[in-house]
Protein backbone atom coordinates (compact mmCIF):
# COMPACT_ATOMS: atom_id res chain seq x y z
CA MET A 1 20.13 -56.75 -23.08
CA ALA A 2 18.08 -54.89 -25.66
CA ASN A 3 14.70 -53.43 -24.79
CA LEU A 4 12.21 -55.99 -26.07
CA ALA A 5 9.09 -53.92 -25.35
CA PRO A 6 7.04 -53.33 -28.51
CA SER A 7 6.45 -49.76 -29.69
CA SER A 8 4.84 -47.97 -32.61
CA ASN A 9 8.24 -48.06 -34.34
CA ALA A 10 8.71 -51.75 -33.55
CA PRO A 11 5.26 -53.40 -33.22
CA GLY A 12 4.93 -56.85 -31.73
CA LEU A 13 4.07 -58.93 -28.69
CA HIS A 14 6.33 -59.38 -25.66
CA VAL A 15 5.58 -61.89 -22.89
CA SER A 16 7.70 -62.38 -19.77
CA LYS A 17 7.52 -64.86 -16.89
CA PRO A 18 10.73 -64.56 -14.86
CA SER A 19 9.98 -67.58 -12.69
CA PRO A 20 7.18 -70.10 -12.13
CA SER A 21 6.19 -68.35 -8.90
CA GLU A 22 5.85 -64.87 -10.47
CA PRO A 23 2.93 -63.70 -12.61
CA ALA A 24 3.41 -63.35 -16.34
CA THR A 25 3.36 -59.91 -17.91
CA ALA A 26 2.79 -58.94 -21.54
CA SER A 27 2.61 -55.91 -23.77
CA ALA A 28 1.55 -55.62 -27.39
CA VAL A 29 1.54 -52.89 -30.01
CA CYS A 30 0.12 -53.54 -33.48
CA HIS A 31 0.99 -51.68 -36.66
CA CYS A 32 -2.73 -50.75 -36.85
CA GLY A 33 -2.29 -48.62 -33.71
CA ALA A 34 -3.88 -50.95 -31.14
CA SER A 35 -1.97 -51.55 -27.90
CA ALA A 36 -2.54 -53.52 -24.72
CA SER A 37 -0.79 -54.79 -21.60
CA ALA A 38 -1.61 -57.48 -19.09
CA LYS A 39 -0.36 -58.89 -15.79
CA GLY A 40 -1.19 -62.34 -14.48
CA ASP A 41 -1.17 -65.67 -16.24
CA THR A 42 -4.87 -65.66 -17.16
CA GLN A 43 -4.88 -62.08 -18.43
CA VAL A 44 -1.68 -62.64 -20.42
CA GLY A 45 -3.22 -65.75 -21.99
CA ALA A 46 -6.23 -63.69 -23.05
CA LEU A 47 -4.00 -60.94 -24.49
CA VAL A 48 -2.02 -63.49 -26.51
CA ALA A 49 -5.21 -65.13 -27.80
CA GLY A 50 -6.61 -61.73 -28.82
CA TRP A 51 -3.34 -60.80 -30.52
CA ASN A 52 -3.29 -64.04 -32.48
CA ALA A 53 -6.93 -63.67 -33.53
CA ASN A 54 -6.99 -59.95 -34.36
CA HIS A 55 -3.50 -58.47 -34.76
CA GLY A 56 0.00 -59.27 -35.92
CA SER A 57 -0.12 -61.86 -38.69
CA ALA A 58 -3.96 -61.90 -38.50
CA HIS A 59 -3.93 -58.65 -40.50
CA GLY A 60 -2.43 -60.56 -43.42
CA LYS A 61 -5.37 -62.97 -43.64
């Protein structure tokens, strides 16, 4: 399987939740240089909300 982790060469958002009993994890790298990571369902939800509001396609608005 390919490495799906975002990097400065391949910006994006990656979320993983291997099973319902394990915590979610996420990492994000934006083309503007911002990066973040999170572990736990609540923290991952906050990272995704921040990404959607401030990075990724939000830069095109």
